[in-house]
């Protein structure tokens, strides 16, 4: 029911996941462009077969994810609003 939740934004795994999804810093040099492509891939992968997105997020990862999402949604200042804009309704 919760899609395919994983720690998609765990720093140690981002490059490996991105490469597996065909994303490269060589072709996506702008950080915002890379973050957008990565978010799109995360939403596809995290939705699994159910169409419901799931994300496992640990406290230690929150700051880094917020920075990445802030580049995509600079108009959002509150963390909850930022995550809702990126991932949809928070439950």
C-alpha atoms as a PDB file:
ATOM      1  CA  UNK A   1       0.000   0.000   0.000  1.00  0.00           C
ATOM      2  CA  UNK A   2       2.904   2.397   0.649  1.00  0.00           C
ATOM      3  CA  UNK A   3       4.570   1.968  -2.714  1.00  0.00           C
ATOM      4  CA  UNK A   4       8.231   0.990  -2.572  1.00  0.00           C
ATOM      5  CA  UNK A   5       9.730   3.002   0.302  1.00  0.00           C
ATOM      6  CA  UNK A   6      13.510   3.183   0.535  1.00  0.00           C
ATOM      7  CA  UNK A   7      16.092   5.649   1.806  1.00  0.00           C
ATOM      8  CA  UNK A   8      16.403   7.271  -1.615  1.00  0.00           C
ATOM      9  CA  UNK A   9      18.141  10.316  -0.191  1.00  0.00           C
ATOM     10  CA  UNK A  10      20.775   8.548   1.913  1.00  0.00           C
ATOM     11  CA  UNK A  11      23.953  10.400   0.921  1.00  0.00           C
ATOM     12  CA  UNK A  12      26.020   7.251   0.528  1.00  0.00           C
ATOM     13  CA  UNK A  13      23.552   5.781  -1.980  1.00  0.00           C
ATOM     14  CA  UNK A  14      22.508   8.731  -4.154  1.00  0.00           C
ATOM     15  CA  UNK A  15      25.248   8.411  -6.795  1.00  0.00           C
ATOM     16  CA  UNK A  16      24.792   4.651  -7.082  1.00  0.00           C
ATOM     17  CA  UNK A  17      21.012   4.957  -7.402  1.00  0.00           C
ATOM     18  CA  UNK A  18      21.337   7.802  -9.911  1.00  0.00           C
ATOM     19  CA  UNK A  19      23.734   5.799 -12.069  1.00  0.00           C
ATOM     20  CA  UNK A  20      21.370   2.835 -11.953  1.00  0.00           C
ATOM     21  CA  UNK A  21      18.615   5.094 -13.250  1.00  0.00           C
ATOM     22  CA  UNK A  22      20.831   6.472 -16.028  1.00  0.00           C
ATOM     23  CA  UNK A  23      21.425   9.857 -14.406  1.00  0.00           C
ATOM     24  CA  UNK A  24      24.905  11.316 -14.678  1.00  0.00           C
ATOM     25  CA  UNK A  25      26.523  14.452 -13.303  1.00  0.00           C
ATOM     26  CA  UNK A  26      28.412  14.600 -16.619  1.00  0.00           C
ATOM     27  CA  UNK A  27      25.197  15.303 -18.528  1.00  0.00           C
ATOM     28  CA  UNK A  28      23.250  16.973 -15.687  1.00  0.00           C
ATOM     29  CA  UNK A  29      25.844  19.466 -14.464  1.00  0.00           C
ATOM     30  CA  UNK A  30      23.463  22.028 -12.977  1.00  0.00           C
ATOM     31  CA  UNK A  31      22.601  20.943  -9.398  1.00  0.00           C
ATOM     32  CA  UNK A  32      18.929  21.870  -9.820  1.00  0.00           C
ATOM     33  CA  UNK A  33      18.669  19.914 -13.063  1.00  0.00           C
ATOM     34  CA  UNK A  34      20.286  16.892 -11.428  1.00  0.00           C
ATOM     35  CA  UNK A  35      18.025  17.203  -8.358  1.00  0.00           C
ATOM     36  CA  UNK A  36      14.932  17.439 -10.587  1.00  0.00           C
ATOM     37  CA  UNK A  37      15.900  14.347 -12.583  1.00  0.00           C
ATOM     38  CA  UNK A  38      16.724  12.498  -9.356  1.00  0.00           C
ATOM     39  CA  UNK A  39      13.391  13.476  -7.751  1.00  0.00           C
ATOM     40  CA  UNK A  40      11.492  12.325 -10.853  1.00  0.00           C
ATOM     41  CA  UNK A  41      13.288   8.970 -10.703  1.00  0.00           C
ATOM     42  CA  UNK A  42      12.632   8.675  -6.946  1.00  0.00           C
ATOM     43  CA  UNK A  43       8.923   9.312  -7.481  1.00  0.00           C
ATOM     44  CA  UNK A  44       8.775   6.641 -10.204  1.00  0.00           C
ATOM     45  CA  UNK A  45      10.705   4.068  -8.170  1.00  0.00           C
ATOM     46  CA  UNK A  46       9.029   4.879  -4.857  1.00  0.00           C
ATOM     47  CA  UNK A  47       5.556   4.461  -6.285  1.00  0.00           C
ATOM     48  CA  UNK A  48       6.084   0.846  -7.221  1.00  0.00           C
ATOM     49  CA  UNK A  49       3.069  -1.005  -8.542  1.00  0.00           C
ATOM     50  CA  UNK A  50       0.564   0.634  -6.211  1.00  0.00           C
ATOM     51  CA  UNK A  51       0.890   4.198  -7.517  1.00  0.00           C
ATOM     52  CA  UNK A  52       1.271   5.341  -3.902  1.00  0.00           C
ATOM     53  CA  UNK A  53       4.636   6.932  -3.148  1.00  0.00           C
ATOM     54  CA  UNK A  54       6.633   5.754  -0.151  1.00  0.00           C
ATOM     55  CA  UNK A  55       9.843   7.244   1.263  1.00  0.00           C
ATOM     56  CA  UNK A  56      11.915   6.128   4.221  1.00  0.00           C
ATOM     57  CA  UNK A  57      13.595   9.198   5.678  1.00  0.00           C
ATOM     58  CA  UNK A  58      15.927   9.169   8.642  1.00  0.00           C
ATOM     59  CA  UNK A  59      16.510  12.221  10.843  1.00  0.00           C
ATOM     60  CA  UNK A  60      20.164  12.472   9.788  1.00  0.00           C
ATOM     61  CA  UNK A  61      19.126  12.840   6.141  1.00  0.00           C
ATOM     62  CA  UNK A  62      16.483  15.533   6.636  1.00  0.00           C
ATOM     63  CA  UNK A  63      18.792  18.551   6.244  1.00  0.00           C
ATOM     64  CA  UNK A  64      20.364  17.344   3.017  1.00  0.00           C
ATOM     65  CA  UNK A  65      17.034  16.403   1.449  1.00  0.00           C
ATOM     66  CA  UNK A  66      15.671  19.817   2.429  1.00  0.00           C
ATOM     67  CA  UNK A  67      18.586  21.567   0.701  1.00  0.00           C
ATOM     68  CA  UNK A  68      18.065  19.540  -2.477  1.00  0.00           C
ATOM     69  CA  UNK A  69      14.319  20.195  -2.499  1.00  0.00           C
ATOM     70  CA  UNK A  70      14.815  23.897  -1.694  1.00  0.00           C
ATOM     71  CA  UNK A  71      16.726  24.268  -4.958  1.00  0.00           C
ATOM     72  CA  UNK A  72      13.662  22.940  -6.772  1.00  0.00           C
ATOM     73  CA  UNK A  73      11.029  24.811  -4.754  1.00  0.00           C
ATOM     74  CA  UNK A  74      12.664  28.005  -3.442  1.00  0.00           C
ATOM     75  CA  UNK A  75       9.264  29.553  -2.691  1.00  0.00           C
ATOM     76  CA  UNK A  76       8.643  26.975   0.062  1.00  0.00           C
ATOM     77  CA  UNK A  77      10.214  27.946   3.381  1.00  0.00           C
ATOM     78  CA  UNK A  78       8.636  25.430   5.768  1.00  0.00           C
ATOM     79  CA  UNK A  79      10.011  21.900   5.617  1.00  0.00           C
ATOM     80  CA  UNK A  80       6.549  20.293   5.667  1.00  0.00           C
ATOM     81  CA  UNK A  81       5.395  22.482   2.756  1.00  0.00           C
ATOM     82  CA  UNK A  82       8.596  21.685   0.878  1.00  0.00           C
ATOM     83  CA  UNK A  83       8.097  17.937   1.265  1.00  0.00           C
ATOM     84  CA  UNK A  84       4.430  18.179   0.363  1.00  0.00           C
ATOM     85  CA  UNK A  85       5.266  20.111  -2.805  1.00  0.00           C
ATOM     86  CA  UNK A  86       7.823  17.474  -3.818  1.00  0.00           C
ATOM     87  CA  UNK A  87       6.105  14.262  -2.712  1.00  0.00           C
ATOM     88  CA  UNK A  88       2.400  15.075  -2.438  1.00  0.00           C
ATOM     89  CA  UNK A  89       0.184  14.830   0.652  1.00  0.00           C
ATOM     90  CA  UNK A  90       2.073  13.728   3.755  1.00  0.00           C
ATOM     91  CA  UNK A  91       0.491  10.970   5.767  1.00  0.00           C
END
